[in-house]
Amino acid sequence: SFNVVMTSAGGQKIAVIKVIREITGLGLAEAKALADNGGNVKENVKKDEAEKIKADLEAAGATIEIK
């Protein structure tokens, strides 16, 4: 299993927050905190799901790592 980790939200933080909320179901405050501070977006997911999450967040402007 893989963890999707955000290292930076980039310049389009609002777009990144929207994608985080869609992916995780977090509330606005939690999604904003994740965008501000970085960290695990989603943990213990399969490789194909991790790649899709990474693509969606990178399209919004975030910098993502899969571990």
PDB file of N, CA and C in Angstrom:
ATOM      1  N   SER A   1       0.835  -1.183   0.000  1.00  0.00           N
ATOM      2  CA  SER A   1       0.000   0.000   0.000  1.00  0.00           C
ATOM      3  C   SER A   1       0.877   1.243   0.000  1.00  0.00           C
ATOM      4  N   PHE A   2       0.291   2.344  -0.407  1.00  0.00           N
ATOM      5  CA  PHE A   2       1.038   3.576  -0.601  1.00  0.00           C
ATOM      6  C   PHE A   2       0.393   4.719   0.177  1.00  0.00           C
ATOM      7  N   ASN A   3       1.216   5.716   0.527  1.00  0.00           N
ATOM      8  CA  ASN A   3       0.729   6.941   1.147  1.00  0.00           C
ATOM      9  C   ASN A   3       0.945   8.087   0.178  1.00  0.00           C
ATOM     10  N   VAL A   4      -0.064   8.951   0.033  1.00  0.00           N
ATOM     11  CA  VAL A   4       0.039  10.131  -0.816  1.00  0.00           C
ATOM     12  C   VAL A   4       0.350  11.307   0.107  1.00  0.00           C
ATOM     13  N   VAL A   5       1.516  11.948  -0.101  1.00  0.00           N
ATOM     14  CA  VAL A   5       1.998  12.995   0.786  1.00  0.00           C
ATOM     15  C   VAL A   5       2.149  14.296  -0.001  1.00  0.00           C
ATOM     16  N   MET A   6       1.545  15.367   0.512  1.00  0.00           N
ATOM     17  CA  MET A   6       1.690  16.679  -0.110  1.00  0.00           C
ATOM     18  C   MET A   6       2.862  17.408   0.524  1.00  0.00           C
ATOM     19  N   THR A   7       3.798  17.861  -0.319  1.00  0.00           N
ATOM     20  CA  THR A   7       4.935  18.624   0.188  1.00  0.00           C
ATOM     21  C   THR A   7       4.701  20.121   0.040  1.00  0.00           C
ATOM     22  N   SER A   8       3.862  20.525  -0.924  1.00  0.00           N
ATOM     23  CA  SER A   8       3.569  21.944  -1.129  1.00  0.00           C
ATOM     24  C   SER A   8       2.234  22.084  -1.851  1.00  0.00           C
ATOM     25  N   ALA A   9       1.453  23.088  -1.452  1.00  0.00           N
ATOM     26  CA  ALA A   9       0.177  23.342  -2.121  1.00  0.00           C
ATOM     27  C   ALA A   9       0.367  24.189  -3.373  1.00  0.00           C
ATOM     28  N   GLY A  10       1.513  24.828  -3.527  1.00  0.00           N
ATOM     29  CA  GLY A  10       1.768  25.652  -4.699  1.00  0.00           C
ATOM     30  C   GLY A  10       1.008  26.967  -4.635  1.00  0.00           C
ATOM     31  N   GLY A  11       0.886  27.625  -5.776  1.00  0.00           N
ATOM     32  CA  GLY A  11       0.280  28.944  -5.830  1.00  0.00           C
ATOM     33  C   GLY A  11      -1.237  28.948  -5.893  1.00  0.00           C
ATOM     34  N   GLN A  12      -1.826  27.829  -6.254  1.00  0.00           N
ATOM     35  CA  GLN A  12      -3.279  27.737  -6.398  1.00  0.00           C
ATOM     36  C   GLN A  12      -3.888  27.017  -5.207  1.00  0.00           C
ATOM     37  N   LYS A  13      -3.682  27.563  -4.013  1.00  0.00           N
ATOM     38  CA  LYS A  13      -4.077  26.879  -2.784  1.00  0.00           C
ATOM     39  C   LYS A  13      -5.571  26.590  -2.719  1.00  0.00           C
ATOM     40  N   ILE A  14      -6.407  27.493  -3.203  1.00  0.00           N
ATOM     41  CA  ILE A  14      -7.865  27.278  -3.153  1.00  0.00           C
ATOM     42  C   ILE A  14      -8.257  26.072  -3.996  1.00  0.00           C
ATOM     43  N   ALA A  15      -7.672  25.957  -5.180  1.00  0.00           N
ATOM     44  CA  ALA A  15      -7.956  24.795  -6.039  1.00  0.00           C
ATOM     45  C   ALA A  15      -7.493  23.508  -5.375  1.00  0.00           C
ATOM     46  N   VAL A  16      -6.343  23.554  -4.731  1.00  0.00           N
ATOM     47  CA  VAL A  16      -5.814  22.369  -4.048  1.00  0.00           C
ATOM     48  C   VAL A  16      -6.731  21.976  -2.888  1.00  0.00           C
ATOM     49  N   ILE A  17      -7.198  22.959  -2.135  1.00  0.00           N
ATOM     50  CA  ILE A  17      -8.113  22.678  -1.021  1.00  0.00           C
ATOM     51  C   ILE A  17      -9.383  21.998  -1.530  1.00  0.00           C
ATOM     52  N   LYS A  18      -9.919  22.469  -2.649  1.00  0.00           N
ATOM     53  CA  LYS A  18     -11.126  21.854  -3.221  1.00  0.00           C
ATOM     54  C   LYS A  18     -10.881  20.392  -3.564  1.00  0.00           C
ATOM     55  N   VAL A  19      -9.730  20.096  -4.174  1.00  0.00           N
ATOM     56  CA  VAL A  19      -9.413  18.711  -4.541  1.00  0.00           C
ATOM     57  C   VAL A  19      -9.222  17.857  -3.286  1.00  0.00           C
ATOM     58  N   ILE A  20      -8.538  18.396  -2.278  1.00  0.00           N
ATOM     59  CA  ILE A  20      -8.357  17.654  -1.015  1.00  0.00           C
ATOM     60  C   ILE A  20      -9.715  17.295  -0.425  1.00  0.00           C
ATOM     61  N   ARG A  21     -10.639  18.253  -0.416  1.00  0.00           N
ATOM     62  CA  ARG A  21     -11.967  17.994   0.155  1.00  0.00           C
ATOM     63  C   ARG A  21     -12.697  16.908  -0.630  1.00  0.00           C
ATOM     64  N   GLU A  22     -12.574  16.922  -1.966  1.00  0.00           N
ATOM     65  CA  GLU A  22     -13.220  15.891  -2.789  1.00  0.00           C
ATOM     66  C   GLU A  22     -12.643  14.510  -2.490  1.00  0.00           C
ATOM     67  N   ILE A  23     -11.327  14.442  -2.360  1.00  0.00           N
ATOM     68  CA  ILE A  23     -10.648  13.154  -2.180  1.00  0.00           C
ATOM     69  C   ILE A  23     -10.878  12.587  -0.784  1.00  0.00           C
ATOM     70  N   THR A  24     -10.769  13.450   0.232  1.00  0.00           N
ATOM     71  CA  THR A  24     -10.738  12.957   1.614  1.00  0.00           C
ATOM     72  C   THR A  24     -12.061  13.090   2.356  1.00  0.00           C
ATOM     73  N   GLY A  25     -12.911  14.012   1.915  1.00  0.00           N
ATOM     74  CA  GLY A  25     -14.136  14.269   2.659  1.00  0.00           C
ATOM     75  C   GLY A  25     -13.909  15.132   3.890  1.00  0.00           C
ATOM     76  N   LEU A  26     -12.718  15.739   4.017  1.00  0.00           N
ATOM     77  CA  LEU A  26     -12.430  16.607   5.155  1.00  0.00           C
ATOM     78  C   LEU A  26     -13.243  17.887   5.070  1.00  0.00           C
ATOM     79  N   GLY A  27     -13.419  18.532   6.204  1.00  0.00           N
ATOM     80  CA  GLY A  27     -14.055  19.831   6.247  1.00  0.00           C
ATOM     81  C   GLY A  27     -13.101  20.901   5.738  1.00  0.00           C
ATOM     82  N   LEU A  28     -13.618  22.105   5.566  1.00  0.00           N
ATOM     83  CA  LEU A  28     -12.826  23.199   5.024  1.00  0.00           C
ATOM     84  C   LEU A  28     -11.602  23.509   5.892  1.00  0.00           C
ATOM     85  N   ALA A  29     -11.774  23.595   7.203  1.00  0.00           N
ATOM     86  CA  ALA A  29     -10.660  23.932   8.086  1.00  0.00           C
ATOM     87  C   ALA A  29      -9.560  22.874   8.031  1.00  0.00           C
ATOM     88  N   GLU A  30      -9.950  21.604   8.031  1.00  0.00           N
ATOM     89  CA  GLU A  30      -8.958  20.528   7.991  1.00  0.00           C
ATOM     90  C   GLU A  30      -8.228  20.497   6.648  1.00  0.00           C
ATOM     91  N   ALA A  31      -8.972  20.697   5.558  1.00  0.00           N
ATOM     92  CA  ALA A  31      -8.360  20.704   4.229  1.00  0.00           C
ATOM     93  C   ALA A  31      -7.402  21.885   4.086  1.00  0.00           C
ATOM     94  N   LYS A  32      -7.786  23.045   4.634  1.00  0.00           N
ATOM     95  CA  LYS A  32      -6.915  24.221   4.574  1.00  0.00           C
ATOM     96  C   LYS A  32      -5.646  23.984   5.382  1.00  0.00           C
ATOM     97  N   ALA A  33      -5.769  23.370   6.554  1.00  0.00           N
ATOM     98  CA  ALA A  33      -4.597  23.071   7.378  1.00  0.00           C
ATOM     99  C   ALA A  33      -3.648  22.125   6.642  1.00  0.00           C
ATOM    100  N   LEU A  34      -4.201  21.132   5.959  1.00  0.00           N
ATOM    101  CA  LEU A  34      -3.378  20.199   5.194  1.00  0.00           C
ATOM    102  C   LEU A  34      -2.672  20.922   4.050  1.00  0.00           C
ATOM    103  N   ALA A  35      -3.376  21.820   3.369  1.00  0.00           N
ATOM    104  CA  ALA A  35      -2.770  22.591   2.282  1.00  0.00           C
ATOM    105  C   ALA A  35      -1.681  23.516   2.818  1.00  0.00           C
ATOM    106  N   ASP A  36      -1.902  24.122   3.978  1.00  0.00           N
ATOM    107  CA  ASP A  36      -0.923  25.045   4.567  1.00  0.00           C
ATOM    108  C   ASP A  36       0.328  24.319   5.058  1.00  0.00           C
ATOM    109  N   ASN A  37       0.140  23.173   5.687  1.00  0.00           N
ATOM    110  CA  ASN A  37       1.234  22.496   6.379  1.00  0.00           C
ATOM    111  C   ASN A  37       1.801  21.297   5.641  1.00  0.00           C
ATOM    112  N   GLY A  38       1.090  20.798   4.641  1.00  0.00           N
ATOM    113  CA  GLY A  38       1.508  19.575   3.974  1.00  0.00           C
ATOM    114  C   GLY A  38       1.222  18.367   4.844  1.00  0.00           C
ATOM    115  N   GLY A  39       1.590  17.202   4.358  1.00  0.00           N
ATOM    116  CA  GLY A  39       1.387  15.979   5.123  1.00  0.00           C
ATOM    117  C   GLY A  39       0.649  14.929   4.311  1.00  0.00           C
ATOM    118  N   ASN A  40       0.236  13.875   4.997  1.00  0.00           N
ATOM    119  CA  ASN A  40      -0.442  12.769   4.328  1.00  0.00           C
ATOM    120  C   ASN A  40      -1.847  13.180   3.895  1.00  0.00           C
ATOM    121  N   VAL A  41      -2.105  13.052   2.595  1.00  0.00           N
ATOM    122  CA  VAL A  41      -3.439  13.317   2.073  1.00  0.00           C
ATOM    123  C   VAL A  41      -4.287  12.061   2.241  1.00  0.00           C
ATOM    124  N   LYS A  42      -3.714  10.926   1.869  1.00  0.00           N
ATOM    125  CA  LYS A  42      -4.428   9.651   1.955  1.00  0.00           C
ATOM    126  C   LYS A  42      -3.392   8.577   2.263  1.00  0.00           C
ATOM    127  N   GLU A  43      -3.743   7.657   3.159  1.00  0.00           N
ATOM    128  CA  GLU A  43      -2.813   6.615   3.579  1.00  0.00           C
ATOM    129  C   GLU A  43      -3.345   5.238   3.201  1.00  0.00           C
ATOM    130  N   ASN A  44      -2.415   4.318   2.990  1.00  0.00           N
ATOM    131  CA  ASN A  44      -2.721   2.903   2.739  1.00  0.00           C
ATOM    132  C   ASN A  44      -3.692   2.709   1.580  1.00  0.00           C
ATOM    133  N   VAL A  45      -3.351   3.307   0.427  1.00  0.00           N
ATOM    134  CA  VAL A  45      -4.172   3.124  -0.766  1.00  0.00           C
ATOM    135  C   VAL A  45      -3.384   2.314  -1.787  1.00  0.00           C
ATOM    136  N   LYS A  46      -4.098   1.728  -2.745  1.00  0.00           N
ATOM    137  CA  LYS A  46      -3.458   0.960  -3.805  1.00  0.00           C
ATOM    138  C   LYS A  46      -2.745   1.910  -4.763  1.00  0.00           C
ATOM    139  N   LYS A  47      -1.801   1.368  -5.521  1.00  0.00           N
ATOM    140  CA  LYS A  47      -0.965   2.182  -6.400  1.00  0.00           C
ATOM    141  C   LYS A  47      -1.790   2.960  -7.420  1.00  0.00           C
ATOM    142  N   ASP A  48      -2.797   2.331  -8.032  1.00  0.00           N
ATOM    143  CA  ASP A  48      -3.585   3.044  -9.046  1.00  0.00           C
ATOM    144  C   ASP A  48      -4.369   4.201  -8.438  1.00  0.00           C
ATOM    145  N   GLU A  49      -4.917   4.018  -7.244  1.00  0.00           N
ATOM    146  CA  GLU A  49      -5.634   5.108  -6.572  1.00  0.00           C
ATOM    147  C   GLU A  49      -4.662   6.216  -6.174  1.00  0.00           C
ATOM    148  N   ALA A  50      -3.474   5.844  -5.693  1.00  0.00           N
ATOM    149  CA  ALA A  50      -2.462   6.834  -5.320  1.00  0.00           C
ATOM    150  C   ALA A  50      -2.042   7.659  -6.531  1.00  0.00           C
ATOM    151  N   GLU A  51      -1.865   7.015  -7.675  1.00  0.00           N
ATOM    152  CA  GLU A  51      -1.477   7.728  -8.898  1.00  0.00           C
ATOM    153  C   GLU A  51      -2.574   8.701  -9.339  1.00  0.00           C
ATOM    154  N   LYS A  52      -3.838   8.300  -9.208  1.00  0.00           N
ATOM    155  CA  LYS A  52      -4.952   9.179  -9.591  1.00  0.00           C
ATOM    156  C   LYS A  52      -5.021  10.394  -8.669  1.00  0.00           C
ATOM    157  N   ILE A  53      -4.878  10.173  -7.362  1.00  0.00           N
ATOM    158  CA  ILE A  53      -4.895  11.281  -6.400  1.00  0.00           C
ATOM    159  C   ILE A  53      -3.744  12.230  -6.702  1.00  0.00           C
ATOM    160  N   LYS A  54      -2.560  11.672  -6.967  1.00  0.00           N
ATOM    161  CA  LYS A  54      -1.396  12.496  -7.283  1.00  0.00           C
ATOM    162  C   LYS A  54      -1.664  13.337  -8.527  1.00  0.00           C
ATOM    163  N   ALA A  55      -2.216  12.735  -9.564  1.00  0.00           N
ATOM    164  CA  ALA A  55      -2.497  13.458 -10.805  1.00  0.00           C
ATOM    165  C   ALA A  55      -3.507  14.584 -10.572  1.00  0.00           C
ATOM    166  N   ASP A  56      -4.558  14.297  -9.806  1.00  0.00           N
ATOM    167  CA  ASP A  56      -5.581  15.311  -9.527  1.00  0.00           C
ATOM    168  C   ASP A  56      -4.993  16.496  -8.757  1.00  0.00           C
ATOM    169  N   LEU A  57      -4.203  16.209  -7.734  1.00  0.00           N
ATOM    170  CA  LEU A  57      -3.625  17.285  -6.924  1.00  0.00           C
ATOM    171  C   LEU A  57      -2.560  18.067  -7.691  1.00  0.00           C
ATOM    172  N   GLU A  58      -1.763  17.370  -8.501  1.00  0.00           N
ATOM    173  CA  GLU A  58      -0.757  18.075  -9.300  1.00  0.00           C
ATOM    174  C   GLU A  58      -1.419  18.953 -10.356  1.00  0.00           C
ATOM    175  N   ALA A  59      -2.545  18.516 -10.891  1.00  0.00           N
ATOM    176  CA  ALA A  59      -3.277  19.333 -11.862  1.00  0.00           C
ATOM    177  C   ALA A  59      -3.771  20.630 -11.208  1.00  0.00           C
ATOM    178  N   ALA A  60      -4.031  20.575  -9.903  1.00  0.00           N
ATOM    179  CA  ALA A  60      -4.479  21.762  -9.162  1.00  0.00           C
ATOM    180  C   ALA A  60      -3.297  22.638  -8.731  1.00  0.00           C
ATOM    181  N   GLY A  61      -2.058  22.118  -8.879  1.00  0.00           N
ATOM    182  CA  GLY A  61      -0.884  22.926  -8.569  1.00  0.00           C
ATOM    183  C   GLY A  61      -0.060  22.459  -7.384  1.00  0.00           C
ATOM    184  N   ALA A  62      -0.435  21.364  -6.747  1.00  0.00           N
ATOM    185  CA  ALA A  62       0.281  20.887  -5.562  1.00  0.00           C
ATOM    186  C   ALA A  62       1.508  20.059  -5.962  1.00  0.00           C
ATOM    187  N   THR A  63       2.440  19.940  -5.041  1.00  0.00           N
ATOM    188  CA  THR A  63       3.589  19.046  -5.202  1.00  0.00           C
ATOM    189  C   THR A  63       3.320  17.827  -4.328  1.00  0.00           C
ATOM    190  N   ILE A  64       3.356  16.645  -4.961  1.00  0.00           N
ATOM    191  CA  ILE A  64       2.934  15.405  -4.298  1.00  0.00           C
ATOM    192  C   ILE A  64       4.021  14.356  -4.397  1.00  0.00           C
ATOM    193  N   GLU A  65       4.164  13.560  -3.344  1.00  0.00           N
ATOM    194  CA  GLU A  65       5.028  12.386  -3.341  1.00  0.00           C
ATOM    195  C   GLU A  65       4.188  11.162  -2.995  1.00  0.00           C
ATOM    196  N   ILE A  66       4.563  10.037  -3.569  1.00  0.00           N
ATOM    197  CA  ILE A  66       3.930   8.765  -3.198  1.00  0.00           C
ATOM    198  C   ILE A  66       4.997   7.942  -2.508  1.00  0.00           C
ATOM    199  N   LYS A  67       4.683   7.503  -1.296  1.00  0.00           N
ATOM    200  CA  LYS A  67       5.645   6.717  -0.509  1.00  0.00           C
ATOM    201  C   LYS A  67       5.088   5.354  -0.222  1.00  0.00           C
TER     202      LYS A  67
END
